[in-house]
Amino acid sequence: MKNINQTGLTWISFFSYAFTGALIVVTGMIMGNIANYFHISISEMSNIFTFLNAGILISIVFNSWLMKIVSLKIQIIFGFILTIIAILGILYSHSILLFSINLFILGMVSGMTMSIGTFIITNLYSGSKRGSKLLITDSFFSMSGMIFPIITAYLLEKNILWYWIYVLIGSIYAFITILALNLKFPILKKENHHESKNTEKWGLNIFLLSMAALFYILGQLGFISWIPQYTTEIMNINMQHAAHLVSNFWMSYMIGMWFFSFIIMFFHLNHIFIFLTGMSTILMYYFIQSTSYLILEYMIIGLGFFSSAIYTIIITLASLQTEKPSPPIINTILVCGTVGTLLTFVITSPIVQKYGLYITLMSTNVFYAIVFFLSILIYLNNLLLRKM
């Protein structure tokens, strides 16, 4: 019975990331259609999606506190009710203000559920198995990234209105809720001040890992969100081929996670972290410089594969800074990653307006280079700590 409960909770964690992935990944695919629907510019529309990212950020920030007061099961049931309200609002409202509010609600549900999913994995598993399970969990984000661009491109090609994609995304949360109703969730126990002081050491590595999470997500989402616009406008590639590039990125991302979920058990996490960030920076650069569609495909598949484990390694390294899994530390990394999500369009939209899509993609490449530099600093700091 315990194994069945653990398996069910693990699947909730998997689908919590799939739900968030679907919400975020379809943004680049439907941005132009929504802009036309509300008669606003693409730049203005990209800023509207900041409401989705803000909702994710706020809920992750508050959920480390909320988990101590409200049970995880009740949170998921309440999240399902909010999801239904938000999707109905998107379907039947024709106001950009109401659309923004509904995006914010979906973002809050998404952030809350992803926070719960991460907490479940870090409490059910330990050591290398925790890192492996976190990679598989994160692979469901990329699985949505692989599937939903193809579905979205198909719906748009058949002249089906963009908002029906949110109904399909809502079905993921329905599945999470059905699972949650029949399972027993772990309870987050409050630690006294003395225990917290002994187990949690917030050193330089936590700061460096937090910054790495922020710049990695900012670089990744900034890059992948503008790929459809870049390839269709600059390279004159049709939307279906652009969708395939995005889908190929997430497909190789997912395969990479499965691959590295096995590999990381045999290598030092810091070494893999440096290698993956370095390779990803190089592959992204060559993608941006390429003019052939075939080379673009090879580069984006390589980029997806080698960048797949970076975020999960950051979370795993942070979780290993203390003897026991620390929700505040894990949530700090998630919050910083979500700040990167929030800043995606806040930072990239002005660059698109002023300098164009090419410079925008190059700026995301710089963000990846910063993560590579931080990975080296984290490694050097670990060497220093061992000598002390």
Protein backbone atom coordinates (compact mmCIF):
# COMPACT_ATOMS: atom_id res chain seq x y z
CA MET A 1 0.00 0.00 0.00
CA LYS A 2 2.90 2.32 0.84
CA ASN A 3 4.47 1.66 -2.58
CA ILE A 4 1.17 2.42 -4.37
CA ASN A 5 0.86 5.70 -2.45
CA GLN A 6 4.49 6.63 -3.23
CA THR A 7 4.01 5.84 -6.92
CA GLY A 8 0.82 7.92 -7.07
CA LEU A 9 2.50 10.90 -5.39
CA THR A 10 5.44 10.60 -7.79
CA TRP A 11 3.05 10.76 -10.75
CA ILE A 12 1.44 13.88 -9.29
CA SER A 13 4.93 15.43 -9.23
CA PHE A 14 5.47 14.41 -12.85
CA PHE A 15 2.20 15.93 -14.05
CA SER A 16 2.63 19.10 -11.97
CA TYR A 17 5.63 19.90 -14.18
CA ALA A 18 3.75 18.82 -17.33
CA PHE A 19 0.97 21.32 -16.48
CA THR A 20 3.45 24.19 -15.97
CA GLY A 21 5.38 23.21 -19.08
CA ALA A 22 2.27 23.25 -21.25
CA LEU A 23 1.23 26.71 -19.99
CA ILE A 24 4.65 28.23 -20.61
CA VAL A 25 5.62 26.51 -23.86
CA VAL A 26 2.46 27.34 -25.86
CA THR A 27 3.08 31.06 -25.24
CA GLY A 28 5.42 31.51 -28.20
CA MET A 29 3.13 29.49 -30.47
CA ILE A 30 -0.11 31.43 -29.85
CA MET A 31 1.25 34.90 -29.04
CA GLY A 32 0.61 36.25 -32.53
CA ASN A 33 -2.90 34.80 -32.70
CA ILE A 34 -3.88 36.26 -29.34
CA ALA A 35 -2.43 39.65 -30.33
CA ASN A 36 -4.63 39.62 -33.47
CA TYR A 37 -7.64 38.47 -31.41
CA PHE A 38 -7.32 41.43 -29.01
CA HIS A 39 -6.03 43.83 -31.72
CA ILE A 40 -2.77 44.69 -29.98
CA SER A 41 0.89 44.50 -31.04
CA ILE A 42 3.00 41.37 -30.51
CA SER A 43 5.24 43.30 -28.12
CA GLU A 44 2.27 44.36 -25.97
CA MET A 45 0.96 40.80 -26.05
CA SER A 46 4.26 39.37 -24.84
CA ASN A 47 4.07 41.69 -21.81
CA ILE A 48 0.58 40.36 -21.00
CA PHE A 49 2.08 36.91 -20.45
CA THR A 50 4.06 38.44 -17.58
CA PHE A 51 0.81 37.99 -15.59
CA LEU A 52 1.15 34.21 -16.01
CA ASN A 53 4.77 34.31 -14.84
CA ALA A 54 3.94 36.65 -11.95
CA GLY A 55 1.26 34.23 -10.75
CA ILE A 56 3.77 31.36 -10.80
CA LEU A 57 6.32 33.42 -8.86
CA ILE A 58 3.92 34.66 -6.17
CA SER A 59 2.47 31.21 -5.49
CA ILE A 60 5.92 29.59 -5.20
CA VAL A 61 7.05 32.34 -2.79
CA PHE A 62 4.03 31.88 -0.51
CA ASN A 63 3.66 28.13 -0.82
CA SER A 64 6.63 27.26 1.41
CA TRP A 65 4.64 29.01 4.17
CA LEU A 66 1.21 27.79 3.00
CA MET A 67 2.28 24.11 3.00
CA LYS A 68 2.65 24.33 6.79
CA ILE A 69 -0.94 25.53 7.21
CA VAL A 70 -3.03 23.98 4.40
CA SER A 71 -2.71 20.30 3.44
CA LEU A 72 -1.30 19.53 0.00
CA LYS A 73 -4.47 17.66 -1.03
CA ILE A 74 -6.72 20.64 -0.23
CA GLN A 75 -4.37 22.93 -2.16
CA ILE A 76 -4.67 20.70 -5.25
CA ILE A 77 -8.49 20.51 -5.02
CA PHE A 78 -8.70 24.29 -4.63
CA GLY A 79 -6.29 24.64 -7.56
CA PHE A 80 -8.60 22.53 -9.73
CA ILE A 81 -11.56 24.83 -8.95
CA LEU A 82 -9.45 27.89 -9.84
CA THR A 83 -8.29 26.21 -13.07
CA ILE A 84 -11.90 25.64 -14.19
CA ILE A 85 -12.79 29.28 -13.38
CA ALA A 86 -9.75 30.62 -15.27
CA ILE A 87 -10.28 28.47 -18.38
CA LEU A 88 -13.99 29.37 -18.54
CA GLY A 89 -12.93 33.01 -18.19
CA ILE A 90 -10.52 32.66 -21.13
CA LEU A 91 -13.20 30.96 -23.26
CA TYR A 92 -16.02 33.42 -22.67
CA SER A 93 -14.40 36.79 -21.92
CA HIS A 94 -13.32 39.13 -24.73
CA SER A 95 -11.46 41.64 -22.57
CA ILE A 96 -7.67 41.80 -22.44
CA LEU A 97 -7.94 42.73 -18.72
CA LEU A 98 -9.97 39.61 -17.91
CA PHE A 99 -7.60 37.51 -20.01
CA SER A 100 -4.67 38.88 -17.97
CA ILE A 101 -6.45 38.06 -14.70
CA ASN A 102 -7.21 34.51 -15.85
CA LEU A 103 -3.57 34.03 -16.91
CA PHE A 104 -2.52 35.21 -13.44
CA ILE A 105 -4.86 32.65 -11.81
CA LEU A 106 -3.48 29.84 -13.99
CA GLY A 107 0.03 30.96 -13.08
CA MET A 108 -0.78 30.82 -9.35
CA VAL A 109 -2.23 27.31 -9.68
CA SER A 110 0.77 26.23 -11.74
CA GLY A 111 3.37 27.59 -9.32
CA MET A 112 1.59 26.12 -6.30
CA THR A 113 1.35 22.67 -7.89
CA MET A 114 4.94 22.67 -9.16
CA SER A 115 6.13 23.64 -5.67
CA ILE A 116 4.11 20.73 -4.21
CA GLY A 117 5.54 18.36 -6.84
CA THR A 118 9.13 19.34 -6.05
CA PHE A 119 8.52 19.06 -2.30
CA ILE A 120 7.05 15.55 -2.74
CA ILE A 121 10.08 14.27 -4.69
CA THR A 122 12.65 15.75 -2.28
CA ASN A 123 10.83 14.12 0.66
CA LEU A 124 10.16 10.71 -0.90
CA TYR A 125 13.68 10.15 -2.26
CA SER A 126 17.23 10.84 -1.10
CA GLY A 127 20.78 11.01 -2.46
CA SER A 128 21.40 10.17 -6.13
CA LYS A 129 17.89 8.72 -6.41
CA ARG A 130 16.48 12.15 -5.58
CA GLY A 131 18.50 13.75 -8.38
CA SER A 132 17.39 11.01 -10.77
CA LYS A 133 13.70 11.41 -9.87
CA LEU A 134 13.93 15.21 -10.13
CA LEU A 135 15.31 14.81 -13.65
CA ILE A 136 12.43 12.53 -14.63
CA THR A 137 9.98 14.98 -13.03
CA ASP A 138 11.45 17.85 -15.00
CA SER A 139 11.32 15.70 -18.15
CA PHE A 140 7.52 15.97 -18.02
CA PHE A 141 7.91 19.73 -18.46
CA SER A 142 9.79 19.02 -21.67
CA MET A 143 7.30 16.31 -22.67
CA SER A 144 4.62 19.01 -22.69
CA GLY A 145 7.07 21.18 -24.63
CA MET A 146 7.37 18.45 -27.23
CA ILE A 147 3.65 17.58 -27.52
CA PHE A 148 1.81 20.89 -27.15
CA PRO A 149 3.56 22.90 -29.92
CA ILE A 150 2.56 20.17 -32.40
CA ILE A 151 -1.03 20.12 -31.09
CA THR A 152 -1.15 23.93 -31.16
CA ALA A 153 0.19 24.12 -34.73
CA TYR A 154 -2.40 21.50 -35.80
CA LEU A 155 -5.29 23.41 -34.16
CA LEU A 156 -4.21 26.71 -35.71
CA GLU A 157 -3.78 25.07 -39.13
CA LYS A 158 -7.37 23.76 -38.86
CA ASN A 159 -8.53 27.31 -37.98
CA ILE A 160 -9.55 26.24 -34.47
CA LEU A 161 -9.38 29.23 -32.13
CA TRP A 162 -6.28 29.45 -29.93
CA TYR A 163 -8.11 29.36 -26.59
CA TRP A 164 -9.09 25.69 -26.96
CA ILE A 165 -5.47 24.78 -26.22
CA TYR A 166 -6.10 25.92 -22.62
CA VAL A 167 -8.94 23.41 -22.32
CA LEU A 168 -6.51 20.63 -23.24
CA ILE A 169 -3.99 21.95 -20.72
CA GLY A 170 -6.72 21.97 -18.06
CA SER A 171 -7.22 18.22 -18.59
CA ILE A 172 -3.73 17.64 -17.14
CA TYR A 173 -4.81 19.29 -13.89
CA ALA A 174 -8.00 17.24 -13.85
CA PHE A 175 -5.83 14.10 -13.90
CA ILE A 176 -3.68 15.48 -11.03
CA THR A 177 -6.82 16.10 -8.96
CA ILE A 178 -8.22 12.60 -9.58
CA LEU A 179 -4.92 11.09 -8.38
CA ALA A 180 -4.77 13.40 -5.34
CA LEU A 181 -8.22 12.40 -4.05
CA ASN A 182 -7.08 8.83 -3.35
CA LEU A 183 -3.61 9.43 -1.90
CA LYS A 184 -2.05 10.29 1.45
CA PHE A 185 0.34 13.25 1.25
CA PRO A 186 3.46 13.87 3.36
CA ILE A 187 3.01 16.42 6.12
CA LEU A 188 5.49 19.23 6.47
CA LYS A 189 6.51 19.39 10.11
CA LYS A 190 7.58 22.67 11.63
CA GLU A 191 11.17 22.61 12.82
CA ASN A 192 12.13 24.50 15.94
CA HIS A 193 14.60 27.34 15.66
CA HIS A 194 17.46 25.30 17.15
CA GLU A 195 17.06 22.44 14.60
CA SER A 196 16.78 24.87 11.72
CA LYS A 197 19.94 26.64 12.81
CA ASN A 198 21.90 23.38 12.97
CA THR A 199 20.81 21.92 9.64
CA GLU A 200 20.50 24.91 7.32
CA LYS A 201 23.69 26.68 6.30
CA TRP A 202 22.94 29.32 3.71
CA GLY A 203 26.42 29.77 2.29
CA LEU A 204 27.75 31.32 -0.91
CA ASN A 205 26.75 28.26 -2.96
CA ILE A 206 23.04 28.87 -2.33
CA PHE A 207 23.42 32.40 -3.69
CA LEU A 208 25.40 31.22 -6.73
CA LEU A 209 22.93 28.40 -7.44
CA SER A 210 20.02 30.82 -7.10
CA MET A 211 21.60 33.18 -9.64
CA ALA A 212 22.34 30.22 -11.93
CA ALA A 213 18.66 29.17 -11.77
CA LEU A 214 17.52 32.72 -12.60
CA PHE A 215 19.84 33.22 -15.60
CA TYR A 216 19.32 29.68 -16.90
CA ILE A 217 15.51 29.96 -17.02
CA LEU A 218 15.71 33.53 -18.35
CA GLY A 219 18.04 32.36 -21.13
CA GLN A 220 16.11 29.21 -21.96
CA LEU A 221 12.61 30.72 -22.07
CA GLY A 222 13.82 33.92 -23.73
CA PHE A 223 15.40 31.79 -26.45
CA ILE A 224 12.58 29.29 -27.00
CA SER A 225 9.77 31.89 -26.75
CA TRP A 226 11.13 33.96 -29.65
CA ILE A 227 12.19 31.05 -31.88
CA PRO A 228 8.79 30.91 -33.70
CA GLN A 229 8.93 34.66 -34.47
CA TYR A 230 12.65 34.57 -35.35
CA THR A 231 12.38 31.63 -37.76
CA THR A 232 9.18 32.83 -39.47
CA GLU A 233 10.11 36.53 -39.78
CA ILE A 234 13.89 36.48 -40.19
CA MET A 235 14.44 33.11 -41.87
CA ASN A 236 11.08 32.88 -43.71
CA ILE A 237 10.31 29.43 -42.31
CA ASN A 238 6.61 28.51 -42.08
CA MET A 239 4.91 28.12 -38.70
CA GLN A 240 4.69 24.34 -38.93
CA HIS A 241 8.48 24.04 -39.35
CA ALA A 242 8.97 26.57 -36.55
CA ALA A 243 6.72 24.41 -34.34
CA HIS A 244 8.86 21.38 -35.21
CA LEU A 245 12.01 23.21 -34.08
CA VAL A 246 10.40 24.01 -30.71
CA SER A 247 9.05 20.45 -30.44
CA ASN A 248 12.47 18.97 -31.33
CA PHE A 249 14.08 21.06 -28.60
CA TRP A 250 11.71 19.71 -25.95
CA MET A 251 11.84 16.16 -27.33
CA SER A 252 15.65 16.05 -27.06
CA TYR A 253 15.35 17.84 -23.70
CA MET A 254 13.13 15.01 -22.45
CA ILE A 255 15.43 12.29 -23.84
CA GLY A 256 18.41 14.07 -22.28
CA MET A 257 16.73 14.06 -18.88
CA TRP A 258 16.08 10.33 -19.04
CA PHE A 259 19.68 9.79 -20.13
CA PHE A 260 21.20 12.00 -17.44
CA SER A 261 18.87 10.61 -14.72
CA PHE A 262 20.98 7.45 -15.09
CA ILE A 263 24.36 9.09 -15.83
CA ILE A 264 24.42 11.48 -12.83
CA MET A 265 24.60 8.50 -10.45
CA PHE A 266 28.14 7.77 -11.71
CA PHE A 267 29.67 11.26 -12.01
CA HIS A 268 30.29 14.25 -9.80
CA LEU A 269 27.39 16.70 -10.10
CA ASN A 270 29.66 19.76 -10.27
CA HIS A 271 31.65 18.31 -13.18
CA ILE A 272 28.49 17.50 -15.15
CA PHE A 273 27.12 20.97 -14.35
CA ILE A 274 30.18 22.69 -15.88
CA PHE A 275 30.21 20.40 -18.93
CA LEU A 276 26.49 20.82 -19.70
CA THR A 277 26.42 24.61 -19.30
CA GLY A 278 29.51 24.96 -21.51
CA MET A 279 28.12 22.72 -24.27
CA SER A 280 24.72 24.45 -24.16
CA THR A 281 26.29 27.90 -24.52
CA ILE A 282 28.27 26.79 -27.61
CA LEU A 283 25.30 25.02 -29.27
CA MET A 284 22.99 27.99 -28.75
CA TYR A 285 25.57 30.30 -30.33
CA TYR A 286 25.88 28.11 -33.43
CA PHE A 287 22.09 27.85 -33.72
CA ILE A 288 21.78 31.64 -33.82
CA GLN A 289 24.54 31.92 -36.43
CA SER A 290 23.10 29.18 -38.69
CA THR A 291 21.20 29.91 -41.91
CA SER A 292 20.30 26.35 -42.93
CA TYR A 293 17.12 24.77 -41.56
CA LEU A 294 18.85 21.37 -41.34
CA ILE A 295 21.68 22.82 -39.22
CA LEU A 296 19.10 24.61 -37.07
CA GLU A 297 17.47 21.24 -36.38
CA TYR A 298 20.79 19.61 -35.41
CA MET A 299 21.78 22.51 -33.18
CA ILE A 300 18.45 22.76 -31.37
CA ILE A 301 18.32 18.98 -30.80
CA GLY A 302 21.85 19.12 -29.33
CA LEU A 303 20.94 22.17 -27.25
CA GLY A 304 17.84 20.46 -25.84
CA PHE A 305 19.81 17.32 -24.98
CA PHE A 306 22.78 18.99 -23.27
CA SER A 307 20.78 21.64 -21.42
CA SER A 308 18.16 19.17 -20.16
CA ALA A 309 19.72 18.37 -16.78
CA ILE A 310 20.99 21.85 -15.84
CA TYR A 311 18.00 23.11 -13.83
CA THR A 312 17.51 19.82 -12.00
CA ILE A 313 21.22 19.66 -11.13
CA ILE A 314 20.91 23.17 -9.69
CA ILE A 315 17.96 22.06 -7.51
CA THR A 316 19.75 18.83 -6.51
CA LEU A 317 22.97 20.67 -5.57
CA ALA A 318 20.91 23.10 -3.47
CA SER A 319 19.04 20.28 -1.74
CA LEU A 320 22.36 18.63 -0.82
CA GLN A 321 23.58 21.75 1.01
CA THR A 322 21.76 20.51 4.15
CA GLU A 323 21.50 17.12 5.85
CA LYS A 324 17.73 16.97 5.35
CA PRO A 325 15.66 18.36 2.41
CA SER A 326 14.94 21.99 3.21
CA PRO A 327 11.74 23.43 1.67
CA PRO A 328 12.98 27.05 2.12
CA ILE A 329 16.21 26.33 0.20
CA ILE A 330 14.44 24.38 -2.55
CA ASN A 331 11.78 27.08 -2.79
CA THR A 332 14.52 29.73 -3.02
CA ILE A 333 15.88 28.02 -6.14
CA LEU A 334 12.35 27.64 -7.56
CA VAL A 335 11.62 31.30 -6.79
CA CYS A 336 14.80 32.45 -8.55
CA GLY A 337 14.01 30.23 -11.53
CA THR A 338 10.52 31.69 -11.62
CA VAL A 339 11.91 35.23 -11.41
CA GLY A 340 13.75 34.26 -14.59
CA THR A 341 10.42 33.20 -16.07
CA LEU A 342 8.80 36.46 -14.94
CA LEU A 343 11.59 38.54 -16.49
CA THR A 344 11.51 36.66 -19.81
CA PHE A 345 9.32 39.16 -21.67
CA VAL A 346 10.08 42.10 -19.37
CA ILE A 347 13.72 41.95 -20.56
CA THR A 348 13.40 40.48 -24.07
CA SER A 349 10.42 42.52 -25.37
CA PRO A 350 12.26 45.89 -25.18
CA ILE A 351 15.28 44.26 -26.88
CA VAL A 352 13.02 42.97 -29.69
CA GLN A 353 11.49 46.43 -30.11
CA LYS A 354 14.77 48.33 -30.09
CA TYR A 355 17.34 45.91 -31.57
CA GLY A 356 15.41 43.10 -33.25
CA LEU A 357 15.08 39.33 -32.86
CA TYR A 358 18.70 38.41 -33.67
CA ILE A 359 20.14 40.55 -30.84
CA THR A 360 17.42 39.20 -28.54
CA LEU A 361 18.57 35.63 -29.15
CA MET A 362 22.20 36.66 -28.71
CA SER A 363 21.30 38.16 -25.31
CA THR A 364 19.84 34.80 -24.24
CA ASN A 365 23.15 33.22 -25.28
CA VAL A 366 24.93 35.65 -22.92
CA PHE A 367 22.64 34.49 -20.08
CA TYR A 368 23.71 30.88 -20.75
CA ALA A 369 27.37 31.99 -20.69
CA ILE A 370 26.75 33.57 -17.26
CA VAL A 371 25.40 30.22 -15.98
CA PHE A 372 28.56 28.51 -17.28
CA PHE A 373 30.69 31.05 -15.40
CA LEU A 374 28.63 30.52 -12.22
CA SER A 375 29.03 26.72 -12.48
CA ILE A 376 32.81 27.20 -12.40
CA LEU A 377 32.54 29.52 -9.37
CA ILE A 378 30.40 26.93 -7.53
CA TYR A 379 33.00 24.23 -8.25
CA LEU A 380 35.86 26.44 -7.04
CA ASN A 381 33.91 27.35 -3.91
CA ASN A 382 33.38 23.65 -3.15
CA LEU A 383 37.13 23.04 -3.47
CA LEU A 384 37.76 25.93 -1.10
CA LEU A 385 35.24 24.60 1.45
CA ARG A 386 36.90 21.16 1.44
CA LYS A 387 40.28 22.68 2.27
CA MET A 388 38.89 24.67 5.20
